[in-house]
PDB file of N, CA and C in Angstrom:
ATOM      1  N   MET A   1      -2.624 -18.867   2.268  1.00  0.00           N
ATOM      2  CA  MET A   1      -3.674 -17.969   2.674  1.00  0.00           C
ATOM      3  C   MET A   1      -3.698 -16.897   1.620  1.00  0.00           C
ATOM      4  N   VAL A   2      -4.920 -16.317   1.417  1.00  0.00           N
ATOM      5  CA  VAL A   2      -5.106 -15.390   0.289  1.00  0.00           C
ATOM      6  C   VAL A   2      -5.772 -14.153   0.957  1.00  0.00           C
ATOM      7  N   LEU A   3      -5.183 -12.959   0.764  1.00  0.00           N
ATOM      8  CA  LEU A   3      -5.842 -11.747   1.172  1.00  0.00           C
ATOM      9  C   LEU A   3      -7.044 -11.445   0.326  1.00  0.00           C
ATOM     10  N   LEU A   4      -8.159 -11.293   1.001  1.00  0.00           N
ATOM     11  CA  LEU A   4      -9.424 -11.097   0.290  1.00  0.00           C
ATOM     12  C   LEU A   4      -9.917  -9.598   0.515  1.00  0.00           C
ATOM     13  N   SER A   5      -9.933  -9.170   1.723  1.00  0.00           N
ATOM     14  CA  SER A   5     -10.414  -7.824   2.024  1.00  0.00           C
ATOM     15  C   SER A   5     -10.041  -7.459   3.451  1.00  0.00           C
ATOM     16  N   SER A   6      -9.853  -6.166   3.660  1.00  0.00           N
ATOM     17  CA  SER A   6      -9.582  -5.673   4.969  1.00  0.00           C
ATOM     18  C   SER A   6     -10.838  -5.058   5.572  1.00  0.00           C
ATOM     19  N   ARG A   7     -11.988  -5.021   4.792  1.00  0.00           N
ATOM     20  CA  ARG A   7     -13.161  -4.343   5.226  1.00  0.00           C
ATOM     21  C   ARG A   7     -14.357  -5.282   5.585  1.00  0.00           C
ATOM     22  N   THR A   8     -14.358  -6.426   4.993  1.00  0.00           N
ATOM     23  CA  THR A   8     -15.523  -7.351   5.214  1.00  0.00           C
ATOM     24  C   THR A   8     -15.138  -8.595   5.943  1.00  0.00           C
ATOM     25  N   TYR A   9     -16.075  -9.130   6.662  1.00  0.00           N
ATOM     26  CA  TYR A   9     -15.851 -10.390   7.314  1.00  0.00           C
ATOM     27  C   TYR A   9     -17.235 -11.115   7.477  1.00  0.00           C
ATOM     28  N   ARG A  10     -17.229 -12.308   6.967  1.00  0.00           N
ATOM     29  CA  ARG A  10     -18.448 -13.131   7.110  1.00  0.00           C
ATOM     30  C   ARG A  10     -18.053 -14.594   7.188  1.00  0.00           C
ATOM     31  N   THR A  11     -18.817 -15.375   7.928  1.00  0.00           N
ATOM     32  CA  THR A  11     -18.573 -16.740   8.050  1.00  0.00           C
ATOM     33  C   THR A  11     -19.513 -17.583   7.262  1.00  0.00           C
ATOM     34  N   GLU A  12     -19.156 -18.058   6.073  1.00  0.00           N
ATOM     35  CA  GLU A  12     -20.005 -18.851   5.191  1.00  0.00           C
ATOM     36  C   GLU A  12     -19.977 -20.324   5.694  1.00  0.00           C
ATOM     37  N   ARG A  13     -18.829 -20.810   6.057  1.00  0.00           N
ATOM     38  CA  ARG A  13     -18.645 -22.149   6.516  1.00  0.00           C
ATOM     39  C   ARG A  13     -17.663 -22.138   7.682  1.00  0.00           C
ATOM     40  N   LYS A  14     -17.759 -23.098   8.519  1.00  0.00           N
ATOM     41  CA  LYS A  14     -16.772 -23.200   9.595  1.00  0.00           C
ATOM     42  C   LYS A  14     -15.383 -23.398   8.947  1.00  0.00           C
ATOM     43  N   GLY A  15     -14.435 -22.575   9.435  1.00  0.00           N
ATOM     44  CA  GLY A  15     -13.115 -22.663   8.971  1.00  0.00           C
ATOM     45  C   GLY A  15     -12.816 -21.877   7.661  1.00  0.00           C
ATOM     46  N   TRP A  16     -13.817 -21.321   7.036  1.00  0.00           N
ATOM     47  CA  TRP A  16     -13.665 -20.579   5.843  1.00  0.00           C
ATOM     48  C   TRP A  16     -12.871 -19.253   5.954  1.00  0.00           C
ATOM     49  N   ASN A  17     -13.441 -18.477   6.855  1.00  0.00           N
ATOM     50  CA  ASN A  17     -12.872 -17.094   7.042  1.00  0.00           C
ATOM     51  C   ASN A  17     -12.424 -16.957   8.445  1.00  0.00           C
ATOM     52  N   ARG A  18     -11.464 -16.196   8.634  1.00  0.00           N
ATOM     53  CA  ARG A  18     -11.073 -15.698   9.951  1.00  0.00           C
ATOM     54  C   ARG A  18     -10.411 -14.323   9.833  1.00  0.00           C
ATOM     55  N   ARG A  19     -10.293 -13.640  10.982  1.00  0.00           N
ATOM     56  CA  ARG A  19      -9.699 -12.332  10.903  1.00  0.00           C
ATOM     57  C   ARG A  19      -8.311 -12.347  11.561  1.00  0.00           C
ATOM     58  N   ILE A  20      -7.304 -11.857  10.803  1.00  0.00           N
ATOM     59  CA  ILE A  20      -5.942 -11.721  11.366  1.00  0.00           C
ATOM     60  C   ILE A  20      -5.510 -10.261  11.230  1.00  0.00           C
ATOM     61  N   LYS A  21      -5.385  -9.564  12.378  1.00  0.00           N
ATOM     62  CA  LYS A  21      -5.101  -8.145  12.398  1.00  0.00           C
ATOM     63  C   LYS A  21      -5.971  -7.349  11.382  1.00  0.00           C
ATOM     64  N   GLY A  22      -7.282  -7.605  11.399  1.00  0.00           N
ATOM     65  CA  GLY A  22      -8.195  -6.844  10.607  1.00  0.00           C
ATOM     66  C   GLY A  22      -8.223  -7.270   9.147  1.00  0.00           C
ATOM     67  N   ILE A  23      -7.537  -8.322   8.730  1.00  0.00           N
ATOM     68  CA  ILE A  23      -7.502  -8.761   7.373  1.00  0.00           C
ATOM     69  C   ILE A  23      -8.275 -10.151   7.217  1.00  0.00           C
ATOM     70  N   ARG A  24      -9.131 -10.209   6.265  1.00  0.00           N
ATOM     71  CA  ARG A  24      -9.882 -11.473   6.032  1.00  0.00           C
ATOM     72  C   ARG A  24      -9.032 -12.325   5.095  1.00  0.00           C
ATOM     73  N   VAL A  25      -8.842 -13.607   5.499  1.00  0.00           N
ATOM     74  CA  VAL A  25      -8.065 -14.433   4.681  1.00  0.00           C
ATOM     75  C   VAL A  25      -8.904 -15.736   4.366  1.00  0.00           C
ATOM     76  N   MET A  26      -8.599 -16.403   3.242  1.00  0.00           N
ATOM     77  CA  MET A  26      -9.277 -17.565   2.923  1.00  0.00           C
ATOM     78  C   MET A  26      -8.362 -18.739   3.299  1.00  0.00           C
ATOM     79  N   THR A  27      -8.953 -19.628   4.090  1.00  0.00           N
ATOM     80  CA  THR A  27      -8.165 -20.796   4.625  1.00  0.00           C
ATOM     81  C   THR A  27      -8.668 -22.120   4.061  1.00  0.00           C
ATOM     82  N   ALA A  28      -9.923 -22.169   3.582  1.00  0.00           N
ATOM     83  CA  ALA A  28     -10.416 -23.463   3.060  1.00  0.00           C
ATOM     84  C   ALA A  28      -9.969 -23.600   1.571  1.00  0.00           C
ATOM     85  N   ILE A  29      -9.613 -24.812   1.180  1.00  0.00           N
ATOM     86  CA  ILE A  29      -9.224 -25.159  -0.199  1.00  0.00           C
ATOM     87  C   ILE A  29     -10.361 -25.903  -0.817  1.00  0.00           C
ATOM     88  N   ARG A  30     -10.928 -25.545  -1.936  1.00  0.00           N
ATOM     89  CA  ARG A  30     -12.006 -26.221  -2.588  1.00  0.00           C
ATOM     90  C   ARG A  30     -11.413 -27.350  -3.469  1.00  0.00           C
ATOM     91  N   LYS A  31     -12.062 -28.511  -3.355  1.00  0.00           N
ATOM     92  CA  LYS A  31     -11.666 -29.693  -4.160  1.00  0.00           C
ATOM     93  C   LYS A  31     -12.564 -29.844  -5.296  1.00  0.00           C
ATOM     94  N   PHE A  32     -12.055 -29.884  -6.532  1.00  0.00           N
ATOM     95  CA  PHE A  32     -12.765 -30.135  -7.765  1.00  0.00           C
ATOM     96  C   PHE A  32     -12.456 -31.504  -8.299  1.00  0.00           C
ATOM     97  N   GLY A  33     -13.454 -32.192  -8.851  1.00  0.00           N
ATOM     98  CA  GLY A  33     -13.201 -33.445  -9.438  1.00  0.00           C
ATOM     99  C   GLY A  33     -14.243 -34.477  -9.003  1.00  0.00           C
ATOM    100  N   PRO A  34     -14.078 -35.764  -9.332  1.00  0.00           N
ATOM    101  CA  PRO A  34     -12.930 -36.241 -10.222  1.00  0.00           C
ATOM    102  C   PRO A  34     -13.111 -35.808 -11.699  1.00  0.00           C
ATOM    103  N   LYS A  35     -11.949 -35.663 -12.392  1.00  0.00           N
ATOM    104  CA  LYS A  35     -11.972 -35.295 -13.750  1.00  0.00           C
ATOM    105  C   LYS A  35     -12.522 -36.329 -14.556  1.00  0.00           C
ATOM    106  N   ASP A  36     -13.341 -35.917 -15.565  1.00  0.00           N
ATOM    107  CA  ASP A  36     -13.859 -36.946 -16.516  1.00  0.00           C
ATOM    108  C   ASP A  36     -12.863 -36.991 -17.664  1.00  0.00           C
ATOM    109  N   PRO A  37     -13.006 -38.095 -18.501  1.00  0.00           N
ATOM    110  CA  PRO A  37     -11.974 -38.300 -19.599  1.00  0.00           C
ATOM    111  C   PRO A  37     -11.943 -37.241 -20.692  1.00  0.00           C
ATOM    112  N   HIS A  38     -13.011 -36.367 -20.756  1.00  0.00           N
ATOM    113  CA  HIS A  38     -13.057 -35.376 -21.795  1.00  0.00           C
ATOM    114  C   HIS A  38     -12.718 -33.997 -21.268  1.00  0.00           C
ATOM    115  N   HIS A  39     -12.295 -33.842 -20.033  1.00  0.00           N
ATOM    116  CA  HIS A  39     -11.988 -32.500 -19.508  1.00  0.00           C
ATOM    117  C   HIS A  39     -10.823 -31.907 -20.254  1.00  0.00           C
ATOM    118  N   PRO A  40     -10.864 -30.573 -20.564  1.00  0.00           N
ATOM    119  CA  PRO A  40      -9.823 -29.964 -21.380  1.00  0.00           C
ATOM    120  C   PRO A  40      -8.437 -29.883 -20.723  1.00  0.00           C
ATOM    121  N   SER A  41      -8.366 -30.171 -19.421  1.00  0.00           N
ATOM    122  CA  SER A  41      -7.049 -30.108 -18.776  1.00  0.00           C
ATOM    123  C   SER A  41      -6.422 -31.453 -18.703  1.00  0.00           C
ATOM    124  N   ILE A  42      -7.071 -32.508 -19.149  1.00  0.00           N
ATOM    125  CA  ILE A  42      -6.388 -33.824 -19.215  1.00  0.00           C
ATOM    126  C   ILE A  42      -5.179 -33.810 -20.025  1.00  0.00           C
ATOM    127  N   GLY A  43      -4.130 -34.212 -19.518  1.00  0.00           N
ATOM    128  CA  GLY A  43      -2.782 -34.194 -20.173  1.00  0.00           C
ATOM    129  C   GLY A  43      -1.936 -32.955 -19.885  1.00  0.00           C
ATOM    130  N   VAL A  44      -2.519 -31.922 -19.288  1.00  0.00           N
ATOM    131  CA  VAL A  44      -1.784 -30.711 -18.988  1.00  0.00           C
ATOM    132  C   VAL A  44      -1.028 -31.043 -17.665  1.00  0.00           C
ATOM    133  N   LYS A  45       0.285 -30.513 -17.621  1.00  0.00           N
ATOM    134  CA  LYS A  45       1.096 -30.823 -16.428  1.00  0.00           C
ATOM    135  C   LYS A  45       0.717 -29.861 -15.310  1.00  0.00           C
ATOM    136  N   CYS A  46       0.699 -30.463 -14.114  1.00  0.00           N
ATOM    137  CA  CYS A  46       0.487 -29.701 -12.823  1.00  0.00           C
ATOM    138  C   CYS A  46       1.698 -28.872 -12.592  1.00  0.00           C
ATOM    139  N   LEU A  47       1.539 -27.657 -12.231  1.00  0.00           N
ATOM    140  CA  LEU A  47       2.702 -26.773 -12.086  1.00  0.00           C
ATOM    141  C   LEU A  47       3.449 -27.035 -10.777  1.00  0.00           C
ATOM    142  N   ALA A  48       2.847 -27.861  -9.907  1.00  0.00           N
ATOM    143  CA  ALA A  48       3.509 -28.188  -8.595  1.00  0.00           C
ATOM    144  C   ALA A  48       4.405 -29.461  -8.720  1.00  0.00           C
ATOM    145  N   CYS A  49       3.816 -30.486  -9.328  1.00  0.00           N
ATOM    146  CA  CYS A  49       4.561 -31.809  -9.366  1.00  0.00           C
ATOM    147  C   CYS A  49       4.981 -32.141 -10.781  1.00  0.00           C
ATOM    148  N   HIS A  50       4.595 -31.385 -11.750  1.00  0.00           N
ATOM    149  CA  HIS A  50       4.903 -31.593 -13.238  1.00  0.00           C
ATOM    150  C   HIS A  50       4.411 -32.947 -13.820  1.00  0.00           C
ATOM    151  N   GLU A  51       3.433 -33.547 -13.015  1.00  0.00           N
ATOM    152  CA  GLU A  51       2.824 -34.810 -13.602  1.00  0.00           C
ATOM    153  C   GLU A  51       1.515 -34.377 -14.301  1.00  0.00           C
ATOM    154  N   PRO A  52       1.154 -34.997 -15.435  1.00  0.00           N
ATOM    155  CA  PRO A  52      -0.091 -34.587 -16.172  1.00  0.00           C
ATOM    156  C   PRO A  52      -1.346 -34.891 -15.367  1.00  0.00           C
ATOM    157  N   PHE A  53      -2.388 -34.135 -15.617  1.00  0.00           N
ATOM    158  CA  PHE A  53      -3.661 -34.493 -15.037  1.00  0.00           C
ATOM    159  C   PHE A  53      -4.261 -35.622 -15.839  1.00  0.00           C
ATOM    160  N   ILE A  54      -4.822 -36.574 -15.108  1.00  0.00           N
ATOM    161  CA  ILE A  54      -5.439 -37.717 -15.723  1.00  0.00           C
ATOM    162  C   ILE A  54      -6.891 -37.937 -15.235  1.00  0.00           C
ATOM    163  N   GLU A  55      -7.586 -38.705 -15.874  1.00  0.00           N
ATOM    164  CA  GLU A  55      -8.948 -39.047 -15.541  1.00  0.00           C
ATOM    165  C   GLU A  55      -9.019 -39.513 -14.100  1.00  0.00           C
ATOM    166  N   GLY A  56     -10.031 -38.919 -13.368  1.00  0.00           N
ATOM    167  CA  GLY A  56     -10.193 -39.273 -11.889  1.00  0.00           C
ATOM    168  C   GLY A  56      -9.450 -38.421 -10.978  1.00  0.00           C
ATOM    169  N   ASP A  57      -8.507 -37.574 -11.438  1.00  0.00           N
ATOM    170  CA  ASP A  57      -7.780 -36.636 -10.610  1.00  0.00           C
ATOM    171  C   ASP A  57      -8.708 -35.646  -9.886  1.00  0.00           C
ATOM    172  N   TYR A  58      -8.354 -35.249  -8.663  1.00  0.00           N
ATOM    173  CA  TYR A  58      -8.960 -34.121  -7.919  1.00  0.00           C
ATOM    174  C   TYR A  58      -7.975 -32.965  -8.009  1.00  0.00           C
ATOM    175  N   THR A  59      -8.486 -31.758  -8.253  1.00  0.00           N
ATOM    176  CA  THR A  59      -7.621 -30.587  -8.407  1.00  0.00           C
ATOM    177  C   THR A  59      -8.205 -29.453  -7.547  1.00  0.00           C
ATOM    178  N   THR A  60      -7.405 -28.399  -7.495  1.00  0.00           N
ATOM    179  CA  THR A  60      -7.845 -27.157  -6.779  1.00  0.00           C
ATOM    180  C   THR A  60      -7.221 -26.057  -7.574  1.00  0.00           C
ATOM    181  N   LEU A  61      -7.726 -24.779  -7.320  1.00  0.00           N
ATOM    182  CA  LEU A  61      -7.193 -23.595  -7.931  1.00  0.00           C
ATOM    183  C   LEU A  61      -6.397 -22.814  -6.806  1.00  0.00           C
ATOM    184  N   VAL A  62      -5.303 -22.368  -7.255  1.00  0.00           N
ATOM    185  CA  VAL A  62      -4.357 -21.564  -6.304  1.00  0.00           C
ATOM    186  C   VAL A  62      -4.264 -20.168  -6.851  1.00  0.00           C
ATOM    187  N   SER A  63      -4.671 -19.243  -6.034  1.00  0.00           N
ATOM    188  CA  SER A  63      -4.596 -17.819  -6.454  1.00  0.00           C
ATOM    189  C   SER A  63      -3.114 -17.316  -6.464  1.00  0.00           C
ATOM    190  N   LEU A  64      -2.826 -16.630  -7.472  1.00  0.00           N
ATOM    191  CA  LEU A  64      -1.440 -15.983  -7.664  1.00  0.00           C
ATOM    192  C   LEU A  64      -1.464 -14.516  -7.453  1.00  0.00           C
ATOM    193  N   GLY A  65      -2.563 -13.874  -7.440  1.00  0.00           N
ATOM    194  CA  GLY A  65      -2.673 -12.426  -7.188  1.00  0.00           C
ATOM    195  C   GLY A  65      -3.423 -11.767  -8.412  1.00  0.00           C
ATOM    196  N   PRO A  66      -3.287 -10.410  -8.460  1.00  0.00           N
ATOM    197  CA  PRO A  66      -4.078  -9.665  -9.476  1.00  0.00           C
ATOM    198  C   PRO A  66      -3.497  -9.757 -10.878  1.00  0.00           C
ATOM    199  N   GLY A  67      -2.294 -10.307 -11.040  1.00  0.00           N
ATOM    200  CA  GLY A  67      -1.678 -10.334 -12.373  1.00  0.00           C
ATOM    201  C   GLY A  67      -1.263  -9.014 -12.877  1.00  0.00           C
ATOM    202  N   GLY A  68      -1.318  -8.778 -14.215  1.00  0.00           N
ATOM    203  CA  GLY A  68      -0.833  -7.563 -14.832  1.00  0.00           C
ATOM    204  C   GLY A  68      -1.880  -6.534 -15.095  1.00  0.00           C
ATOM    205  N   ASP A  69      -3.155  -6.732 -14.604  1.00  0.00           N
ATOM    206  CA  ASP A  69      -4.252  -5.848 -14.760  1.00  0.00           C
ATOM    207  C   ASP A  69      -4.135  -4.674 -13.872  1.00  0.00           C
ATOM    208  N   PRO A  70      -3.879  -3.429 -14.283  1.00  0.00           N
ATOM    209  CA  PRO A  70      -3.642  -2.285 -13.385  1.00  0.00           C
ATOM    210  C   PRO A  70      -4.857  -2.009 -12.518  1.00  0.00           C
ATOM    211  N   GLU A  71      -6.107  -2.242 -12.982  1.00  0.00           N
ATOM    212  CA  GLU A  71      -7.265  -1.963 -12.193  1.00  0.00           C
ATOM    213  C   GLU A  71      -7.340  -2.962 -11.094  1.00  0.00           C
ATOM    214  N   GLU A  72      -7.088  -4.289 -11.284  1.00  0.00           N
ATOM    215  CA  GLU A  72      -7.124  -5.267 -10.230  1.00  0.00           C
ATOM    216  C   GLU A  72      -6.052  -5.050  -9.312  1.00  0.00           C
ATOM    217  N   GLN A  73      -4.728  -4.647  -9.721  1.00  0.00           N
ATOM    218  CA  GLN A  73      -3.706  -4.413  -8.860  1.00  0.00           C
ATOM    219  C   GLN A  73      -4.072  -3.283  -7.824  1.00  0.00           C
ATOM    220  N   LYS A  74      -4.703  -2.193  -8.367  1.00  0.00           N
ATOM    221  CA  LYS A  74      -5.152  -1.091  -7.534  1.00  0.00           C
ATOM    222  C   LYS A  74      -6.133  -1.594  -6.506  1.00  0.00           C
ATOM    223  N   LYS A  75      -7.077  -2.418  -6.915  1.00  0.00           N
ATOM    224  CA  LYS A  75      -8.039  -2.925  -5.909  1.00  0.00           C
ATOM    225  C   LYS A  75      -7.359  -3.751  -4.861  1.00  0.00           C
ATOM    226  N   ALA A  76      -6.309  -4.528  -5.224  1.00  0.00           N
ATOM    227  CA  ALA A  76      -5.671  -5.391  -4.223  1.00  0.00           C
ATOM    228  C   ALA A  76      -4.836  -4.526  -3.259  1.00  0.00           C
ATOM    229  N   ARG A  77      -4.188  -3.483  -3.773  1.00  0.00           N
ATOM    230  CA  ARG A  77      -3.435  -2.534  -2.920  1.00  0.00           C
ATOM    231  C   ARG A  77      -4.356  -1.839  -1.964  1.00  0.00           C
ATOM    232  N   ASN A  78      -5.537  -1.566  -2.328  1.00  0.00           N
ATOM    233  CA  ASN A  78      -6.492  -0.881  -1.479  1.00  0.00           C
ATOM    234  C   ASN A  78      -7.293  -1.733  -0.580  1.00  0.00           C
ATOM    235  N   GLY A  79      -6.966  -3.123  -0.571  1.00  0.00           N
ATOM    236  CA  GLY A  79      -7.585  -4.026   0.284  1.00  0.00           C
ATOM    237  C   GLY A  79      -9.081  -4.380  -0.183  1.00  0.00           C
ATOM    238  N   ARG A  80      -9.332  -4.176  -1.400  1.00  0.00           N
ATOM    239  CA  ARG A  80     -10.676  -4.383  -1.955  1.00  0.00           C
ATOM    240  C   ARG A  80     -10.670  -5.829  -2.624  1.00  0.00           C
ATOM    241  N   HIS A  81     -11.900  -6.415  -2.874  1.00  0.00           N
ATOM    242  CA  HIS A  81     -11.933  -7.661  -3.604  1.00  0.00           C
ATOM    243  C   HIS A  81     -11.468  -7.368  -5.061  1.00  0.00           C
ATOM    244  N   TYR A  82     -10.772  -8.427  -5.561  1.00  0.00           N
ATOM    245  CA  TYR A  82     -10.179  -8.285  -6.903  1.00  0.00           C
ATOM    246  C   TYR A  82     -10.291  -9.613  -7.631  1.00  0.00           C
ATOM    247  N   ASN A  83     -10.257  -9.649  -8.966  1.00  0.00           N
ATOM    248  CA  ASN A  83     -10.207 -10.855  -9.719  1.00  0.00           C
ATOM    249  C   ASN A  83      -8.734 -11.312  -9.853  1.00  0.00           C
ATOM    250  N   SER A  84      -8.535 -12.554  -9.389  1.00  0.00           N
ATOM    251  CA  SER A  84      -7.154 -13.045  -9.331  1.00  0.00           C
ATOM    252  C   SER A  84      -6.816 -14.024 -10.421  1.00  0.00           C
ATOM    253  N   VAL A  85      -5.567 -14.048 -10.820  1.00  0.00           N
ATOM    254  CA  VAL A  85      -4.989 -14.982 -11.728  1.00  0.00           C
ATOM    255  C   VAL A  85      -4.780 -16.239 -10.854  1.00  0.00           C
ATOM    256  N   GLY A  86      -5.181 -17.433 -11.416  1.00  0.00           N
ATOM    257  CA  GLY A  86      -5.059 -18.612 -10.667  1.00  0.00           C
ATOM    258  C   GLY A  86      -4.589 -19.786 -11.527  1.00  0.00           C
ATOM    259  N   VAL A  87      -3.959 -20.827 -10.865  1.00  0.00           N
ATOM    260  CA  VAL A  87      -3.490 -21.973 -11.599  1.00  0.00           C
ATOM    261  C   VAL A  87      -4.139 -23.237 -11.021  1.00  0.00           C
ATOM    262  N   GLU A  88      -4.390 -24.227 -11.894  1.00  0.00           N
ATOM    263  CA  GLU A  88      -4.876 -25.549 -11.368  1.00  0.00           C
ATOM    264  C   GLU A  88      -3.764 -26.467 -10.990  1.00  0.00           C
ATOM    265  N   ILE A  89      -3.793 -27.025  -9.812  1.00  0.00           N
ATOM    266  CA  ILE A  89      -2.832 -28.006  -9.447  1.00  0.00           C
ATOM    267  C   ILE A  89      -3.592 -29.206  -8.771  1.00  0.00           C
ATOM    268  N   HIS A  90      -2.924 -30.325  -8.603  1.00  0.00           N
ATOM    269  CA  HIS A  90      -3.535 -31.485  -7.990  1.00  0.00           C
ATOM    270  C   HIS A  90      -3.895 -31.081  -6.557  1.00  0.00           C
ATOM    271  N   TYR A  91      -4.997 -31.573  -6.011  1.00  0.00           N
ATOM    272  CA  TYR A  91      -5.420 -31.313  -4.708  1.00  0.00           C
ATOM    273  C   TYR A  91      -4.391 -31.842  -3.685  1.00  0.00           C
ATOM    274  N   THR A  92      -3.842 -32.969  -4.001  1.00  0.00           N
ATOM    275  CA  THR A  92      -2.774 -33.507  -3.125  1.00  0.00           C
ATOM    276  C   THR A  92      -1.583 -32.610  -3.043  1.00  0.00           C
ATOM    277  N   CYS A  93      -1.212 -31.946  -4.211  1.00  0.00           N
ATOM    278  CA  CYS A  93      -0.063 -31.072  -4.191  1.00  0.00           C
ATOM    279  C   CYS A  93      -0.205 -29.876  -3.304  1.00  0.00           C
ATOM    280  N   ALA A  94      -1.460 -29.431  -3.258  1.00  0.00           N
ATOM    281  CA  ALA A  94      -1.853 -28.208  -2.505  1.00  0.00           C
ATOM    282  C   ALA A  94      -1.980 -28.436  -0.975  1.00  0.00           C
ATOM    283  N   THR A  95      -2.452 -29.695  -0.653  1.00  0.00           N
ATOM    284  CA  THR A  95      -2.831 -29.984   0.717  1.00  0.00           C
ATOM    285  C   THR A  95      -2.009 -31.039   1.407  1.00  0.00           C
ATOM    286  N   GLY A  96      -1.440 -32.002   0.640  1.00  0.00           N
ATOM    287  CA  GLY A  96      -0.714 -33.128   1.206  1.00  0.00           C
ATOM    288  C   GLY A  96      -1.722 -34.202   1.571  1.00  0.00           C
ATOM    289  N   ILE A  97      -2.986 -33.972   1.260  1.00  0.00           N
ATOM    290  CA  ILE A  97      -4.021 -35.015   1.554  1.00  0.00           C
ATOM    291  C   ILE A  97      -4.195 -35.877   0.333  1.00  0.00           C
ATOM    292  N   VAL A  98      -3.938 -37.207   0.493  1.00  0.00           N
ATOM    293  CA  VAL A  98      -4.059 -38.121  -0.677  1.00  0.00           C
ATOM    294  C   VAL A  98      -5.548 -38.519  -0.767  1.00  0.00           C
ATOM    295  N   VAL A  99      -6.099 -38.241  -2.005  1.00  0.00           N
ATOM    296  CA  VAL A  99      -7.554 -38.571  -2.242  1.00  0.00           C
ATOM    297  C   VAL A  99      -7.674 -39.665  -3.259  1.00  0.00           C
TER     298      VAL A  99
END
């Protein structure tokens, strides 16, 4: 789950947003793919399983937080929307769902 905001709440899709003690969290995981043979991440290792991305893989982005940017850290601390550092991993690694 990813903290997005403590002030806003909207339902874009069923299962996308929900409120937990006044905090909006993201619960849906977006699936990207399949990768084409010329995608720049082909051959790069997944940080979860250490296997390289190959043609046809489905991936997702995992948010790590605001990173080292002081302005984005301040936004996160104040419960505001912020730009997050993220990593690409296999969709199966993130969800356990084999695609």
